[in-house]
Amino acid sequence: MYTNDAEIRVRYQETDQMGVVYYGNYYTWFEVGRNEFFRSIGRDCASLEEEGVFLPVIESYCRYKEGARYDDEIIIHTKIQEMTGAKIEFHYQILRKKDNRLLAEGKTVHGFVNRDLKPIRLKKLHPDLWEQLQACIEGK
């Protein structure tokens, strides 16, 4: 199974009064991981949208284990867990780089839709993209 690791550094503005990253920022980091995943396979979200493929979030989940803090270097480990004709599910692990501690893990599920938010059959309309994403799941 193909995975991509993106790295970021926690910014002061992402923390709360206690110096711990505010929980909602993990979803922003999931988005960073997902975008970097696509870039790593030679795609990006803008080019997908130009091709008429949009990926709205239809479900999300995050389990918090330990708080990240200001200036921590963070690794966002991203992979495709599952893909069907109607949706794709990404899984994420947020790790602190210095000690490889798991800080949070989660998922986002996205529907395949067109510009009008109507469901599309990715395999039929964009077989090359379908095969590329499927190869990521199969580890090819």
N, C-alpha and C. Protein backbone atom coordinates (compact mmCIF):
# COMPACT_ATOMS: atom_id res chain seq x y z
N MET A 1 0.85 -1.18 0.00
CA MET A 1 0.00 0.00 0.00
C MET A 1 0.90 1.24 0.00
N TYR A 2 0.65 2.14 -0.92
CA TYR A 2 1.45 3.35 -1.03
C TYR A 2 1.03 4.36 0.05
N THR A 3 2.01 4.96 0.69
CA THR A 3 1.76 6.03 1.66
C THR A 3 2.65 7.22 1.34
N ASN A 4 2.23 8.37 1.77
CA ASN A 4 3.02 9.58 1.60
C ASN A 4 3.17 10.27 2.95
N ASP A 5 4.35 10.78 3.20
CA ASP A 5 4.61 11.53 4.43
C ASP A 5 4.86 12.99 4.08
N ALA A 6 4.06 13.87 4.66
CA ALA A 6 4.26 15.31 4.53
C ALA A 6 4.72 15.82 5.88
N GLU A 7 5.55 16.85 5.87
CA GLU A 7 6.04 17.40 7.12
C GLU A 7 5.65 18.86 7.26
N ILE A 8 5.29 19.23 8.48
CA ILE A 8 4.97 20.61 8.81
C ILE A 8 5.55 20.92 10.18
N ARG A 9 5.59 22.19 10.52
CA ARG A 9 6.01 22.62 11.85
C ARG A 9 4.82 23.35 12.47
N VAL A 10 4.50 23.02 13.71
CA VAL A 10 3.37 23.63 14.40
C VAL A 10 3.64 25.13 14.56
N ARG A 11 2.71 25.94 14.10
CA ARG A 11 2.80 27.39 14.23
C ARG A 11 2.12 27.84 15.53
N TYR A 12 2.59 28.95 16.04
CA TYR A 12 2.04 29.47 17.30
C TYR A 12 0.53 29.66 17.21
N GLN A 13 0.06 30.17 16.08
CA GLN A 13 -1.37 30.44 15.91
C GLN A 13 -2.23 29.18 15.95
N GLU A 14 -1.63 28.00 15.81
CA GLU A 14 -2.38 26.75 15.84
C GLU A 14 -2.59 26.22 17.26
N THR A 15 -2.00 26.91 18.24
CA THR A 15 -2.10 26.44 19.62
C THR A 15 -3.11 27.25 20.42
N ASP A 16 -3.54 26.66 21.53
CA ASP A 16 -4.46 27.35 22.43
C ASP A 16 -3.67 27.98 23.58
N GLN A 17 -4.35 28.48 24.55
CA GLN A 17 -3.72 29.17 25.68
C GLN A 17 -2.79 28.25 26.47
N MET A 18 -3.02 26.95 26.38
CA MET A 18 -2.18 25.99 27.09
C MET A 18 -0.95 25.57 26.28
N GLY A 19 -0.84 26.12 25.05
CA GLY A 19 0.30 25.78 24.20
C GLY A 19 0.14 24.48 23.44
N VAL A 20 -1.07 23.92 23.45
CA VAL A 20 -1.37 22.67 22.77
C VAL A 20 -2.15 22.99 21.49
N VAL A 21 -1.90 22.23 20.45
CA VAL A 21 -2.59 22.46 19.18
C VAL A 21 -4.10 22.29 19.37
N TYR A 22 -4.85 23.27 18.90
CA TYR A 22 -6.31 23.25 18.93
C TYR A 22 -6.79 22.08 18.07
N TYR A 23 -7.75 21.33 18.55
CA TYR A 23 -8.16 20.07 17.92
C TYR A 23 -8.60 20.22 16.46
N GLY A 24 -9.22 21.31 16.09
CA GLY A 24 -9.69 21.49 14.72
C GLY A 24 -8.57 21.56 13.70
N ASN A 25 -7.37 21.92 14.14
CA ASN A 25 -6.25 22.03 13.22
C ASN A 25 -5.82 20.69 12.65
N TYR A 26 -6.14 19.61 13.32
CA TYR A 26 -5.77 18.30 12.80
C TYR A 26 -6.48 18.03 11.48
N TYR A 27 -7.69 18.54 11.33
CA TYR A 27 -8.40 18.36 10.06
C TYR A 27 -7.72 19.15 8.94
N THR A 28 -7.18 20.31 9.28
CA THR A 28 -6.41 21.08 8.29
C THR A 28 -5.17 20.28 7.90
N TRP A 29 -4.54 19.63 8.88
CA TRP A 29 -3.37 18.82 8.57
C TRP A 29 -3.74 17.61 7.72
N PHE A 30 -4.92 17.05 7.94
CA PHE A 30 -5.39 15.95 7.07
C PHE A 30 -5.46 16.45 5.62
N GLU A 31 -5.96 17.66 5.45
CA GLU A 31 -6.05 18.23 4.10
C GLU A 31 -4.66 18.41 3.49
N VAL A 32 -3.72 18.89 4.29
CA VAL A 32 -2.34 19.02 3.81
C VAL A 32 -1.82 17.65 3.36
N GLY A 33 -2.03 16.63 4.20
CA GLY A 33 -1.58 15.29 3.86
C GLY A 33 -2.21 14.78 2.57
N ARG A 34 -3.49 15.00 2.40
CA ARG A 34 -4.21 14.54 1.20
C ARG A 34 -3.69 15.25 -0.04
N ASN A 35 -3.51 16.57 0.05
CA ASN A 35 -3.00 17.32 -1.10
C ASN A 35 -1.59 16.88 -1.47
N GLU A 36 -0.74 16.66 -0.46
CA GLU A 36 0.62 16.20 -0.74
C GLU A 36 0.62 14.77 -1.28
N PHE A 37 -0.32 13.95 -0.84
CA PHE A 37 -0.46 12.61 -1.39
C PHE A 37 -0.69 12.70 -2.90
N PHE A 38 -1.65 13.53 -3.30
CA PHE A 38 -1.94 13.67 -4.73
C PHE A 38 -0.74 14.22 -5.49
N ARG A 39 -0.06 15.22 -4.93
CA ARG A 39 1.13 15.75 -5.59
C ARG A 39 2.19 14.67 -5.77
N SER A 40 2.32 13.80 -4.77
CA SER A 40 3.36 12.76 -4.83
C SER A 40 3.12 11.75 -5.93
N ILE A 41 1.88 11.64 -6.40
CA ILE A 41 1.59 10.71 -7.51
C ILE A 41 1.40 11.47 -8.83
N GLY A 42 1.85 12.73 -8.84
CA GLY A 42 1.81 13.50 -10.08
C GLY A 42 0.49 14.18 -10.38
N ARG A 43 -0.34 14.29 -9.40
CA ARG A 43 -1.64 14.97 -9.54
C ARG A 43 -1.71 16.08 -8.50
N ASP A 44 -2.65 16.96 -8.65
CA ASP A 44 -2.96 17.91 -7.59
C ASP A 44 -4.44 18.21 -7.67
N CYS A 45 -4.97 18.78 -6.62
CA CYS A 45 -6.42 18.99 -6.56
C CYS A 45 -6.92 19.92 -7.66
N ALA A 46 -6.13 20.92 -8.02
CA ALA A 46 -6.55 21.83 -9.08
C ALA A 46 -6.69 21.09 -10.41
N SER A 47 -5.74 20.20 -10.73
CA SER A 47 -5.83 19.47 -12.00
C SER A 47 -7.00 18.48 -11.98
N LEU A 48 -7.28 17.89 -10.81
CA LEU A 48 -8.44 17.01 -10.72
C LEU A 48 -9.72 17.78 -11.02
N GLU A 49 -9.82 18.97 -10.45
CA GLU A 49 -11.01 19.79 -10.68
C GLU A 49 -11.11 20.23 -12.14
N GLU A 50 -9.98 20.50 -12.78
CA GLU A 50 -9.99 20.83 -14.20
C GLU A 50 -10.51 19.66 -15.04
N GLU A 51 -10.24 18.44 -14.55
CA GLU A 51 -10.73 17.24 -15.22
C GLU A 51 -12.19 16.94 -14.87
N GLY A 52 -12.78 17.74 -13.97
CA GLY A 52 -14.17 17.54 -13.59
C GLY A 52 -14.38 16.58 -12.43
N VAL A 53 -13.31 16.35 -11.64
CA VAL A 53 -13.40 15.45 -10.48
C VAL A 53 -13.27 16.27 -9.21
N PHE A 54 -14.30 16.26 -8.40
CA PHE A 54 -14.31 16.97 -7.13
C PHE A 54 -14.48 15.94 -6.02
N LEU A 55 -13.90 16.24 -4.87
CA LEU A 55 -13.88 15.27 -3.76
C LEU A 55 -14.38 15.91 -2.46
N PRO A 56 -15.67 16.18 -2.35
CA PRO A 56 -16.16 16.75 -1.09
C PRO A 56 -16.07 15.73 0.05
N VAL A 57 -15.81 16.24 1.23
CA VAL A 57 -15.77 15.39 2.42
C VAL A 57 -17.21 15.01 2.77
N ILE A 58 -17.45 13.71 2.92
CA ILE A 58 -18.78 13.25 3.32
C ILE A 58 -18.77 12.60 4.71
N GLU A 59 -17.57 12.38 5.24
CA GLU A 59 -17.42 11.82 6.58
C GLU A 59 -16.01 12.13 7.07
N SER A 60 -15.88 12.38 8.36
CA SER A 60 -14.54 12.60 8.93
C SER A 60 -14.51 12.10 10.37
N TYR A 61 -13.31 11.76 10.81
CA TYR A 61 -13.12 11.22 12.14
C TYR A 61 -11.69 11.49 12.57
N CYS A 62 -11.51 11.81 13.85
CA CYS A 62 -10.17 11.97 14.39
C CYS A 62 -10.15 11.46 15.83
N ARG A 63 -9.13 10.69 16.15
CA ARG A 63 -8.92 10.19 17.50
C ARG A 63 -7.62 10.81 18.01
N TYR A 64 -7.73 11.56 19.09
CA TYR A 64 -6.59 12.29 19.64
C TYR A 64 -5.92 11.44 20.72
N LYS A 65 -4.60 11.32 20.63
CA LYS A 65 -3.85 10.50 21.57
C LYS A 65 -3.01 11.36 22.52
N GLU A 66 -2.34 12.36 21.94
CA GLU A 66 -1.44 13.21 22.70
C GLU A 66 -1.34 14.54 21.96
N GLY A 67 -1.23 15.63 22.69
CA GLY A 67 -1.22 16.94 22.06
C GLY A 67 0.10 17.32 21.43
N ALA A 68 0.01 17.89 20.24
CA ALA A 68 1.17 18.51 19.61
C ALA A 68 1.32 19.90 20.22
N ARG A 69 2.54 20.41 20.21
CA ARG A 69 2.83 21.72 20.81
C ARG A 69 3.55 22.63 19.82
N TYR A 70 3.54 23.88 20.16
CA TYR A 70 4.20 24.89 19.32
C TYR A 70 5.62 24.45 18.96
N ASP A 71 5.95 24.58 17.71
CA ASP A 71 7.26 24.33 17.12
C ASP A 71 7.60 22.85 16.96
N ASP A 72 6.69 21.94 17.36
CA ASP A 72 6.92 20.52 17.06
C ASP A 72 6.97 20.34 15.55
N GLU A 73 7.86 19.48 15.10
CA GLU A 73 7.84 19.05 13.71
C GLU A 73 6.91 17.85 13.64
N ILE A 74 6.00 17.90 12.67
CA ILE A 74 4.93 16.90 12.56
C ILE A 74 5.04 16.18 11.22
N ILE A 75 4.82 14.89 11.25
CA ILE A 75 4.73 14.09 10.03
C ILE A 75 3.26 13.70 9.85
N ILE A 76 2.75 13.94 8.66
CA ILE A 76 1.38 13.55 8.32
C ILE A 76 1.48 12.35 7.38
N HIS A 77 1.19 11.20 7.90
CA HIS A 77 1.28 9.94 7.17
C HIS A 77 -0.09 9.69 6.53
N THR A 78 -0.15 9.63 5.20
CA THR A 78 -1.43 9.54 4.48
C THR A 78 -1.44 8.36 3.53
N LYS A 79 -2.56 7.64 3.52
CA LYS A 79 -2.74 6.53 2.58
C LYS A 79 -4.21 6.41 2.22
N ILE A 80 -4.46 5.77 1.10
CA ILE A 80 -5.84 5.44 0.72
C ILE A 80 -6.16 4.10 1.38
N GLN A 81 -7.20 4.08 2.16
CA GLN A 81 -7.61 2.85 2.83
C GLN A 81 -8.52 2.01 1.96
N GLU A 82 -9.42 2.70 1.25
CA GLU A 82 -10.44 1.99 0.49
C GLU A 82 -10.97 2.90 -0.61
N MET A 83 -11.41 2.30 -1.69
CA MET A 83 -12.01 3.08 -2.77
C MET A 83 -13.09 2.24 -3.43
N THR A 84 -14.24 2.84 -3.65
CA THR A 84 -15.33 2.20 -4.39
C THR A 84 -15.66 3.10 -5.56
N GLY A 85 -16.62 2.71 -6.35
CA GLY A 85 -17.03 3.53 -7.47
C GLY A 85 -17.56 4.89 -7.08
N ALA A 86 -18.03 5.02 -5.84
CA ALA A 86 -18.67 6.26 -5.40
C ALA A 86 -17.83 7.10 -4.45
N LYS A 87 -16.81 6.49 -3.81
CA LYS A 87 -16.09 7.25 -2.79
C LYS A 87 -14.67 6.72 -2.58
N ILE A 88 -13.90 7.54 -1.87
CA ILE A 88 -12.52 7.19 -1.53
C ILE A 88 -12.30 7.55 -0.07
N GLU A 89 -11.59 6.67 0.64
CA GLU A 89 -11.35 6.88 2.07
C GLU A 89 -9.84 7.00 2.32
N PHE A 90 -9.44 8.12 2.91
CA PHE A 90 -8.05 8.35 3.27
C PHE A 90 -7.89 8.14 4.78
N HIS A 91 -6.77 7.55 5.17
CA HIS A 91 -6.42 7.40 6.58
C HIS A 91 -5.16 8.20 6.84
N TYR A 92 -5.10 8.77 8.04
CA TYR A 92 -4.00 9.65 8.43
C TYR A 92 -3.46 9.25 9.79
N GLN A 93 -2.17 9.42 9.94
CA GLN A 93 -1.53 9.34 11.25
C GLN A 93 -0.71 10.62 11.41
N ILE A 94 -0.88 11.28 12.53
CA ILE A 94 -0.12 12.48 12.84
C ILE A 94 0.94 12.06 13.86
N LEU A 95 2.20 12.20 13.48
CA LEU A 95 3.32 11.77 14.32
C LEU A 95 4.22 12.96 14.66
N ARG A 96 4.75 12.96 15.88
CA ARG A 96 5.76 13.96 16.23
C ARG A 96 7.09 13.41 15.71
N LYS A 97 7.79 14.21 14.93
CA LYS A 97 8.99 13.73 14.25
C LYS A 97 10.11 13.33 15.21
N LYS A 98 10.34 14.09 16.26
CA LYS A 98 11.52 13.83 17.10
C LYS A 98 11.48 12.50 17.84
N ASP A 99 10.29 12.01 18.14
CA ASP A 99 10.21 10.74 18.86
C ASP A 99 9.26 9.73 18.21
N ASN A 100 8.72 10.10 17.04
CA ASN A 100 7.83 9.24 16.26
C ASN A 100 6.58 8.82 17.05
N ARG A 101 6.16 9.66 18.01
CA ARG A 101 4.97 9.38 18.81
C ARG A 101 3.72 9.65 17.99
N LEU A 102 2.75 8.75 18.09
CA LEU A 102 1.47 8.92 17.44
C LEU A 102 0.65 9.92 18.25
N LEU A 103 0.33 11.05 17.64
CA LEU A 103 -0.43 12.10 18.33
C LEU A 103 -1.92 12.02 18.02
N ALA A 104 -2.24 11.63 16.80
CA ALA A 104 -3.65 11.52 16.40
C ALA A 104 -3.72 10.63 15.16
N GLU A 105 -4.89 10.07 14.95
CA GLU A 105 -5.14 9.31 13.73
C GLU A 105 -6.58 9.53 13.33
N GLY A 106 -6.82 9.44 12.05
CA GLY A 106 -8.18 9.68 11.60
C GLY A 106 -8.40 9.31 10.15
N LYS A 107 -9.55 9.71 9.67
CA LYS A 107 -9.89 9.41 8.28
C LYS A 107 -10.80 10.50 7.74
N THR A 108 -10.82 10.60 6.43
CA THR A 108 -11.82 11.39 5.73
C THR A 108 -12.33 10.53 4.57
N VAL A 109 -13.61 10.61 4.33
CA VAL A 109 -14.23 9.91 3.22
C VAL A 109 -14.77 10.98 2.27
N HIS A 110 -14.50 10.78 0.99
CA HIS A 110 -14.86 11.77 -0.04
C HIS A 110 -15.67 11.10 -1.13
N GLY A 111 -16.70 11.79 -1.58
CA GLY A 111 -17.46 11.32 -2.71
C GLY A 111 -16.81 11.78 -4.01
N PHE A 112 -17.00 11.03 -5.07
CA PHE A 112 -16.58 11.46 -6.41
C PHE A 112 -17.77 12.18 -7.03
N VAL A 113 -17.63 13.47 -7.29
CA VAL A 113 -18.71 14.25 -7.88
C VAL A 113 -18.17 15.16 -8.98
N ASN A 114 -19.10 15.71 -9.79
CA ASN A 114 -18.70 16.68 -10.80
C ASN A 114 -18.89 18.09 -10.24
N ARG A 115 -18.67 19.08 -11.09
CA ARG A 115 -18.76 20.48 -10.67
C ARG A 115 -20.13 20.84 -10.08
N ASP A 116 -21.18 20.15 -10.54
CA ASP A 116 -22.53 20.39 -10.05
C ASP A 116 -22.87 19.56 -8.81
N LEU A 117 -21.85 18.90 -8.27
CA LEU A 117 -21.97 18.04 -7.08
C LEU A 117 -22.85 16.82 -7.33
N LYS A 118 -22.91 16.40 -8.58
CA LYS A 118 -23.62 15.17 -8.93
C LYS A 118 -22.62 14.02 -8.90
N PRO A 119 -22.99 12.89 -8.32
CA PRO A 119 -22.08 11.74 -8.27
C PRO A 119 -21.62 11.32 -9.66
N ILE A 120 -20.36 10.93 -9.75
CA ILE A 120 -19.82 10.42 -11.01
C ILE A 120 -19.23 9.03 -10.76
N ARG A 121 -19.08 8.29 -11.83
CA ARG A 121 -18.42 6.98 -11.78
C ARG A 121 -16.99 7.19 -12.25
N LEU A 122 -16.09 7.32 -11.31
CA LEU A 122 -14.70 7.62 -11.63
C LEU A 122 -14.09 6.57 -12.56
N LYS A 123 -14.36 5.32 -12.28
CA LYS A 123 -13.77 4.23 -13.07
C LYS A 123 -14.17 4.34 -14.54
N LYS A 124 -15.39 4.77 -14.80
CA LYS A 124 -15.88 4.88 -16.17
C LYS A 124 -15.41 6.18 -16.83
N LEU A 125 -15.50 7.30 -16.11
CA LEU A 125 -15.18 8.60 -16.71
C LEU A 125 -13.69 8.92 -16.74
N HIS A 126 -12.95 8.39 -15.78
CA HIS A 126 -11.51 8.68 -15.69
C HIS A 126 -10.76 7.40 -15.34
N PRO A 127 -10.73 6.43 -16.26
CA PRO A 127 -10.12 5.13 -15.94
C PRO A 127 -8.64 5.24 -15.59
N ASP A 128 -7.93 6.21 -16.17
CA ASP A 128 -6.51 6.36 -15.85
C ASP A 128 -6.31 6.77 -14.39
N LEU A 129 -7.11 7.70 -13.92
CA LEU A 129 -7.04 8.12 -12.52
C LEU A 129 -7.46 6.97 -11.61
N TRP A 130 -8.52 6.28 -11.97
CA TRP A 130 -8.99 5.14 -11.18
C TRP A 130 -7.86 4.12 -11.02
N GLU A 131 -7.20 3.77 -12.11
CA GLU A 131 -6.12 2.77 -12.06
C GLU A 131 -4.95 3.27 -11.22
N GLN A 132 -4.64 4.55 -11.34
CA GLN A 132 -3.54 5.11 -10.56
C GLN A 132 -3.83 5.04 -9.06
N LEU A 133 -5.03 5.40 -8.67
CA LEU A 133 -5.41 5.35 -7.26
C LEU A 133 -5.51 3.90 -6.77
N GLN A 134 -6.03 3.04 -7.59
CA GLN A 134 -6.13 1.62 -7.24
C GLN A 134 -4.74 1.02 -7.03
N ALA A 135 -3.78 1.43 -7.84
CA ALA A 135 -2.40 0.95 -7.69
C ALA A 135 -1.82 1.39 -6.35
N CYS A 136 -2.22 2.57 -5.86
CA CYS A 136 -1.76 3.03 -4.54
C CYS A 136 -2.27 2.12 -3.43
N ILE A 137 -3.47 1.62 -3.59
CA ILE A 137 -4.05 0.72 -2.57
C ILE A 137 -3.37 -0.64 -2.63
N GLU A 138 -3.10 -1.09 -3.84
CA GLU A 138 -2.51 -2.42 -4.03
C GLU A 138 -1.00 -2.41 -3.83
N GLY A 139 -0.41 -1.22 -3.71
CA GLY A 139 1.02 -1.13 -3.48
C GLY A 139 1.87 -1.34 -4.71
N LYS A 140 1.31 -1.07 -5.86
CA LYS A 140 2.06 -1.25 -7.13
C LYS A 140 2.86 -0.01 -7.45
